[in-house]
Structure formats: structure tokens, C-alpha cells
């Protein structure tokens, strides 16, 4: 079981790396098109990119004589719930970034590492003390990493706070459905639905022209194929053997990697404060991975959610 957890942790670490670099792609893409246009197109690209993968996997798998209708129901319900949560979260994040700094948005979004275990308490999931300590350490690290001009609450911050809650719900929905369904198929459904939902405000408020979309083809492809198609699929597969709180801690590394990617690709400078924040977050991830003394007492309790 420990081997499976290590593999899952590595998959989520790769997911965080892909998402962290995607911040650079998003920053460049927003120079050409609006936020809803970017989210809609990247999500549709991500969903379409997974269709050939699903086709190839279905060819290799032996066909089931009597496929379970309950399994199909879980797949469509899980994909729909993930798609709605992802569409709302990504839209709120983009709206919030228009009214607040990227640093504050990154810190507030990363607060899902606190919201996930808090929501988990209401779902009767036990969180070990060591993991709570890792969460606190990660929050301090995120503050040092992202907050450079003090902290105050504005309209954009409220949008991003709502976004963090939606991302937390997205993580918990995946935690519930991923052991029950095919992760790649559920990921495909969530992206196609997310793309359609984001396309509505895109057509109403932004009305992009083809030349603008073509000018942003490179960041759109990265965000669509890698960040969406590969990254979110790895998240669904990787979360199967991990507690959602630990998973959220590993995924929060995307903020650290985004800073490092900005330094490596865009030539942005790193301060001592930001470096200390990076180190603290890395330490929090390692702390959360340490084996527990009594794992049977801290194992999350399975609950039946009516979603």
C-alpha cells in the first residue's frame, strides 16, 4: 500500500509541476484573449485530446459482457460534478485576478489546503495531527511566497476565496468518485462540460475573433493538452490512494513551481522571502508524507455522499 501511495504522490507532484508551468502559459495567453475564452478553449482542447486515449484503451481492454449501469451512472455524475466545480472555480479565479494581484490570488487559491481538511471533518474524514501541522507550515510558506504587499480584502479577493472553496469541493468530489470509475473517461467528461459552460460567458461578454485565438495558439495548446488533458487526468488517477488533505498539500506545490518557472522562463527575480516560502512548502509536503504511528486510527472513514 505504501508503494501505491508513493506512486500516487509522484503523479500529483508531476501534476503540480505541469500546472505550475501553466501559469506562464496563462499569463502569455491573456495578452491575446479574455479569461473565459482561454478557459473555454483550453478545456475543450483537453477533453478532445483525451478521446483518442480512451479509444486506444478501450481497444486494449477486453469488452465487458454485462457492463454495470451503476458504474456508468457514477462516471457521468462524477464527470458532471467535476466539470461544474472546475468551470465555476476557474471562472471565479480569472474574475478575481482582474481586481487583485497575482500574488494574492495565488495565496488565496492555495488556501484549499486548509479548506479541504475542514470540509473533510463534516464528511467524517479524520485528519492526523501531523498533516494539520503540515497544513499550517504550508500556509506560512504560501504567505511568504505570494504575499509581498501586505494583506487586505477587496472584491477580487472575495472572488478568489470562492474559487478556493470550489477547488476544494473539486478535490473532494474526485476523492469520492475516482476509485469507482475510469479516471481518464471522467476527466474527458469534466473538460468537455467545463468548456461548454465557459463558452457561454465567452460568447456573451468577450466575443473573440479567430485572429486573436490563433495568436495565442501556443499557450492554448500547452494549457489544453498538458495542463488540462494530462494534468487533471493525473490528478484523478493520483488521488485514488491518498487522503484528500495530503493530495491538496502536494498539489499546492503548483504555486511554488509557478514562481520557479517565472524565474527560469520569464527571468523574474526571486527574493529571499520567496525562497524561504518555497522551502517551507517543500518541508510541509515531506512532513505530510511521513508514516503515521497508528495508521488504522487515522484512516479516512468512507462516507456515502448523495451527489
Protein backbone atom coordinates (compact mmCIF):
# COMPACT_ATOMS: atom_id res chain seq x y z
CA UNK A 1 0.00 0.00 0.00
CA UNK A 2 2.90 2.33 0.79
CA UNK A 3 4.26 1.76 -2.74
CA UNK A 4 0.90 2.77 -4.22
CA UNK A 5 0.89 5.92 -2.09
CA UNK A 6 4.40 6.80 -3.28
CA UNK A 7 3.36 6.36 -6.92
CA UNK A 8 0.27 8.50 -6.34
CA UNK A 9 2.37 11.19 -4.65
CA UNK A 10 4.76 11.25 -7.63
CA UNK A 11 1.83 11.55 -10.05
CA UNK A 12 0.43 14.50 -8.10
CA UNK A 13 3.91 16.06 -7.95
CA UNK A 14 4.09 15.83 -11.75
CA UNK A 15 0.60 17.37 -11.89
CA UNK A 16 1.73 20.29 -9.74
CA UNK A 17 4.77 20.79 -11.99
CA UNK A 18 2.59 20.89 -15.13
CA UNK A 19 0.13 23.31 -13.51
CA UNK A 20 2.92 25.49 -12.15
CA UNK A 21 4.45 25.99 -15.60
CA UNK A 22 0.93 26.56 -16.97
CA UNK A 23 0.80 29.88 -15.07
CA UNK A 24 3.37 31.14 -17.57
CA UNK A 25 1.20 29.94 -20.48
CA UNK A 26 -1.88 31.58 -18.95
CA UNK A 27 -0.02 34.84 -18.45
CA UNK A 28 1.09 34.90 -22.09
CA UNK A 29 -2.30 33.75 -23.42
CA UNK A 30 -4.16 36.53 -21.61
CA UNK A 31 -2.25 39.04 -23.75
CA UNK A 32 -4.38 37.97 -26.71
CA UNK A 33 -7.74 36.66 -25.46
CA UNK A 34 -10.08 37.07 -22.47
CA UNK A 35 -10.27 34.75 -19.45
CA UNK A 36 -13.49 32.96 -20.41
CA UNK A 37 -12.22 32.42 -23.96
CA UNK A 38 -8.98 30.98 -22.62
CA UNK A 39 -10.78 28.67 -20.17
CA UNK A 40 -13.35 27.51 -22.74
CA UNK A 41 -10.84 26.70 -25.48
CA UNK A 42 -8.25 25.08 -23.21
CA UNK A 43 -10.93 22.87 -21.62
CA UNK A 44 -12.35 21.78 -24.97
CA UNK A 45 -8.83 21.02 -26.25
CA UNK A 46 -8.16 19.00 -23.10
CA UNK A 47 -11.36 16.98 -23.50
CA UNK A 48 -10.82 16.34 -27.22
CA UNK A 49 -7.18 15.32 -26.61
CA UNK A 50 -8.36 12.53 -24.29
CA UNK A 51 -10.80 10.97 -26.79
CA UNK A 52 -8.04 9.13 -28.79
CA UNK A 53 -6.56 7.91 -25.47
CA UNK A 54 -9.93 6.50 -24.41
CA UNK A 55 -10.36 4.83 -27.81
CA UNK A 56 -6.94 3.16 -27.60
CA UNK A 57 -7.55 1.98 -24.02
CA UNK A 58 -10.93 0.52 -24.98
CA UNK A 59 -9.28 -1.44 -27.80
CA UNK A 60 -6.75 -2.98 -25.44
CA UNK A 61 -9.25 -3.83 -22.70
CA UNK A 62 -11.46 -6.91 -23.07
CA UNK A 63 -15.08 -5.92 -23.57
CA UNK A 64 -17.38 -6.49 -20.63
CA UNK A 65 -20.32 -8.73 -21.45
CA UNK A 66 -22.63 -7.05 -18.97
CA UNK A 67 -21.32 -3.57 -18.11
CA UNK A 68 -22.68 -2.24 -14.83
CA UNK A 69 -25.27 0.54 -15.28
CA UNK A 70 -24.32 1.73 -11.78
CA UNK A 71 -20.73 2.24 -12.98
CA UNK A 72 -21.88 4.31 -15.95
CA UNK A 73 -24.09 6.39 -13.67
CA UNK A 74 -21.15 7.12 -11.35
CA UNK A 75 -19.00 8.04 -14.33
CA UNK A 76 -21.46 10.60 -15.72
CA UNK A 77 -22.40 12.02 -12.31
CA UNK A 78 -18.74 12.28 -11.28
CA UNK A 79 -17.74 13.88 -14.58
CA UNK A 80 -20.62 16.36 -14.41
CA UNK A 81 -19.88 17.34 -10.78
CA UNK A 82 -16.17 17.78 -11.55
CA UNK A 83 -16.96 19.77 -14.70
CA UNK A 84 -19.28 22.19 -12.92
CA UNK A 85 -16.86 22.66 -10.00
CA UNK A 86 -13.94 23.21 -12.36
CA UNK A 87 -15.85 25.69 -14.54
CA UNK A 88 -17.01 27.75 -11.56
CA UNK A 89 -13.60 27.65 -9.84
CA UNK A 90 -11.57 28.62 -12.92
CA UNK A 91 -14.03 31.39 -13.85
CA UNK A 92 -14.01 32.87 -10.33
CA UNK A 93 -10.21 32.76 -10.33
CA UNK A 94 -9.94 34.61 -13.63
CA UNK A 95 -12.52 37.20 -12.49
CA UNK A 96 -10.65 37.71 -9.23
CA UNK A 97 -7.28 38.18 -10.92
CA UNK A 98 -8.75 41.19 -12.76
CA UNK A 99 -9.23 43.00 -9.43
CA UNK A 100 -6.34 41.73 -7.29
CA UNK A 101 -2.65 40.96 -7.63
CA UNK A 102 -1.45 37.62 -8.97
CA UNK A 103 0.47 37.04 -5.73
CA UNK A 104 -2.61 37.47 -3.54
CA UNK A 105 -4.66 35.34 -5.93
CA UNK A 106 -2.07 32.58 -5.74
CA UNK A 107 -2.01 32.63 -1.94
CA UNK A 108 -5.79 32.72 -1.51
CA UNK A 109 -6.32 29.95 -4.10
CA UNK A 110 -3.78 27.78 -2.27
CA UNK A 111 -5.93 28.04 0.87
CA UNK A 112 -7.72 24.95 -0.42
CA UNK A 113 -5.04 23.10 1.58
CA UNK A 114 -6.90 24.35 4.69
CA UNK A 115 -10.44 24.19 3.31
CA UNK A 116 -10.15 20.54 2.20
CA UNK A 117 -9.49 19.11 5.70
CA UNK A 118 -12.09 21.47 7.21
CA UNK A 119 -14.73 20.22 4.76
CA UNK A 120 -13.47 16.69 5.36
CA UNK A 121 -14.38 16.97 9.03
CA UNK A 122 -18.04 17.43 8.07
CA UNK A 123 -17.72 14.31 5.88
CA UNK A 124 -16.33 12.33 8.87
CA UNK A 125 -12.80 12.11 7.47
CA UNK A 126 -10.12 12.05 10.17
CA UNK A 127 -7.05 14.20 9.62
CA UNK A 128 -3.88 13.20 11.55
CA UNK A 129 -2.17 15.83 13.74
CA UNK A 130 0.98 15.55 11.62
CA UNK A 131 -1.00 16.50 8.50
CA UNK A 132 -2.54 19.51 10.30
CA UNK A 133 0.99 20.62 11.20
CA UNK A 134 1.97 20.27 7.54
CA UNK A 135 -1.06 22.35 6.52
CA UNK A 136 -0.07 25.14 8.94
CA UNK A 137 3.53 25.08 7.70
CA UNK A 138 2.35 25.21 4.08
CA UNK A 139 0.09 28.21 4.77
CA UNK A 140 3.03 30.13 6.27
CA UNK A 141 5.15 29.19 3.26
CA UNK A 142 2.45 30.28 0.83
CA UNK A 143 2.12 33.61 2.63
CA UNK A 144 5.86 34.30 2.34
CA UNK A 145 5.85 33.13 -1.28
CA UNK A 146 2.84 35.04 -2.58
CA UNK A 147 2.14 37.99 -0.26
CA UNK A 148 4.60 40.84 -0.79
CA UNK A 149 2.47 43.97 -0.29
CA UNK A 150 0.53 43.22 2.88
CA UNK A 151 -2.96 41.73 3.16
CA UNK A 152 -6.32 43.41 2.71
CA UNK A 153 -9.68 42.13 1.49
CA UNK A 154 -11.11 43.52 -1.74
CA UNK A 155 -13.68 42.46 -4.32
CA UNK A 156 -11.15 40.40 -6.29
CA UNK A 157 -10.03 38.63 -3.11
CA UNK A 158 -13.60 37.53 -2.40
CA UNK A 159 -13.88 36.06 -5.90
CA UNK A 160 -10.67 34.11 -5.38
CA UNK A 161 -11.78 32.91 -1.92
CA UNK A 162 -14.92 31.50 -3.53
CA UNK A 163 -12.65 29.93 -6.15
CA UNK A 164 -10.60 28.20 -3.41
CA UNK A 165 -13.80 26.73 -1.93
CA UNK A 166 -14.82 25.40 -5.37
CA UNK A 167 -11.38 23.85 -5.94
CA UNK A 168 -11.69 22.20 -2.51
CA UNK A 169 -15.06 20.74 -3.49
CA UNK A 170 -13.48 19.58 -6.78
CA UNK A 171 -10.76 17.70 -4.85
CA UNK A 172 -13.31 16.04 -2.54
CA UNK A 173 -15.56 15.05 -5.46
CA UNK A 174 -12.57 13.39 -7.14
CA UNK A 175 -11.71 11.67 -3.86
CA UNK A 176 -15.20 10.15 -3.81
CA UNK A 177 -15.59 9.14 -7.46
CA UNK A 178 -12.05 8.28 -8.64
CA UNK A 179 -11.95 4.79 -7.03
CA UNK A 180 -15.30 3.94 -8.63
CA UNK A 181 -14.82 4.99 -12.28
CA UNK A 182 -12.32 5.20 -15.13
CA UNK A 183 -10.27 8.33 -14.36
CA UNK A 184 -9.48 9.21 -17.99
CA UNK A 185 -13.14 9.00 -19.05
CA UNK A 186 -14.28 11.10 -16.09
CA UNK A 187 -11.58 13.65 -16.88
CA UNK A 188 -12.75 13.86 -20.50
CA UNK A 189 -16.35 14.46 -19.43
CA UNK A 190 -15.38 17.17 -16.95
CA UNK A 191 -13.35 19.10 -19.56
CA UNK A 192 -15.99 18.99 -22.27
CA UNK A 193 -18.65 20.19 -19.83
CA UNK A 194 -16.32 22.86 -18.38
CA UNK A 195 -15.55 24.10 -21.91
CA UNK A 196 -19.24 24.38 -22.80
CA UNK A 197 -20.07 26.19 -19.53
CA UNK A 198 -17.20 28.69 -20.00
CA UNK A 199 -18.19 29.22 -23.65
CA UNK A 200 -21.48 30.85 -22.57
CA UNK A 201 -19.93 33.94 -20.89
CA UNK A 202 -17.26 33.91 -23.62
CA UNK A 203 -19.90 34.44 -26.32
CA UNK A 204 -21.91 36.91 -24.22
CA UNK A 205 -19.11 39.18 -22.95
CA UNK A 206 -15.91 38.59 -24.91
CA UNK A 207 -16.83 37.54 -28.46
CA UNK A 208 -13.27 36.67 -29.56
CA UNK A 209 -12.14 36.77 -33.19
CA UNK A 210 -10.23 33.99 -34.88
CA UNK A 211 -7.05 36.02 -35.33
CA UNK A 212 -6.79 36.57 -31.54
CA UNK A 213 -7.25 32.86 -30.85
CA UNK A 214 -4.63 31.89 -33.45
CA UNK A 215 -2.18 34.38 -31.93
CA UNK A 216 -2.48 32.52 -28.61
CA UNK A 217 -2.17 29.03 -30.12
CA UNK A 218 0.97 28.00 -28.22
CA UNK A 219 -0.21 28.79 -24.64
CA UNK A 220 -3.64 27.39 -25.50
CA UNK A 221 -2.11 24.09 -26.63
CA UNK A 222 0.04 23.80 -23.52
CA UNK A 223 -2.84 24.68 -21.20
CA UNK A 224 -5.25 22.43 -23.12
CA UNK A 225 -3.21 19.30 -23.79
CA UNK A 226 -0.80 19.29 -20.84
CA UNK A 227 -2.43 21.34 -18.07
CA UNK A 228 -5.96 20.06 -18.73
CA UNK A 229 -5.69 16.78 -20.63
CA UNK A 230 -2.64 15.39 -18.84
CA UNK A 231 -2.57 17.32 -15.54
CA UNK A 232 -6.15 16.87 -14.36
CA UNK A 233 -6.18 13.24 -15.50
CA UNK A 234 -3.04 12.59 -13.43
CA UNK A 235 -4.82 14.28 -10.51
CA UNK A 236 -7.80 11.91 -10.77
CA UNK A 237 -5.57 8.83 -11.06
CA UNK A 238 -3.12 10.00 -8.38
CA UNK A 239 -5.77 10.77 -5.76
CA UNK A 240 -7.02 7.19 -5.65
CA UNK A 241 -4.60 6.05 -2.95
CA UNK A 242 -4.15 9.28 -0.99
CA UNK A 243 -6.04 11.17 1.66
CA UNK A 244 -7.53 14.31 0.04
CA UNK A 245 -5.75 16.58 2.54
CA UNK A 246 -2.34 15.11 1.64
CA UNK A 247 -3.27 15.33 -2.06
CA UNK A 248 -4.14 19.03 -1.69
CA UNK A 249 -0.79 19.68 0.00
CA UNK A 250 1.14 18.11 -2.88
CA UNK A 251 -0.96 19.94 -5.48
CA UNK A 252 -0.27 23.24 -3.69
CA UNK A 253 3.31 22.93 -4.95
CA UNK A 254 1.99 24.41 -8.21
CA UNK A 255 2.36 27.87 -6.63
CA UNK A 256 6.00 27.16 -5.77
CA UNK A 257 6.72 25.78 -9.22
CA UNK A 258 4.97 28.73 -10.88
CA UNK A 259 7.38 31.08 -9.10
CA UNK A 260 10.35 28.95 -10.14
CA UNK A 261 9.03 28.77 -13.72
CA UNK A 262 8.64 32.55 -13.80
CA UNK A 263 12.26 32.84 -12.68
CA UNK A 264 13.56 30.27 -15.19
CA UNK A 265 11.42 31.13 -18.24
CA UNK A 266 10.41 34.77 -17.84
CA UNK A 267 13.50 35.96 -15.98
CA UNK A 268 11.55 37.09 -12.91
CA UNK A 269 13.63 37.62 -9.75
CA UNK A 270 13.28 35.55 -6.57
CA UNK A 271 13.65 37.30 -3.21
CA UNK A 272 14.99 35.69 -0.04
CA UNK A 273 11.44 35.81 1.38
CA UNK A 274 10.10 33.87 -1.62
CA UNK A 275 12.89 31.29 -1.38
CA UNK A 276 12.09 30.73 2.31
CA UNK A 277 8.42 30.28 1.35
CA UNK A 278 9.38 27.65 -1.24
CA UNK A 279 11.47 25.75 1.32
CA UNK A 280 8.65 25.77 3.90
CA UNK A 281 6.12 24.40 1.41
CA UNK A 282 8.52 21.64 0.35
CA UNK A 283 9.06 20.78 4.05
CA UNK A 284 5.28 20.66 4.56
CA UNK A 285 4.89 18.15 1.72
CA UNK A 286 7.63 15.93 3.19
CA UNK A 287 6.07 16.18 6.67
CA UNK A 288 2.68 15.09 5.34
CA UNK A 289 4.27 12.03 3.71
CA UNK A 290 5.86 10.72 6.93
CA UNK A 291 4.35 7.39 8.08
CA UNK A 292 1.90 7.60 10.98
CA UNK A 293 2.35 5.60 14.19
CA UNK A 294 -1.21 4.30 14.17
CA UNK A 295 -2.41 4.39 10.55
CA UNK A 296 -5.50 2.34 11.34
CA UNK A 297 -6.70 5.10 13.68
CA UNK A 298 -6.16 7.88 11.17
CA UNK A 299 -7.51 6.19 8.07
CA UNK A 300 -10.26 8.30 6.49
CA UNK A 301 -13.74 6.96 7.08
CA UNK A 302 -15.65 6.18 3.90
CA UNK A 303 -18.90 8.09 3.61
CA UNK A 304 -21.73 7.76 1.15
CA UNK A 305 -22.37 11.15 -0.39
CA UNK A 306 -25.59 11.84 -2.23
CA UNK A 307 -24.18 13.94 -5.06
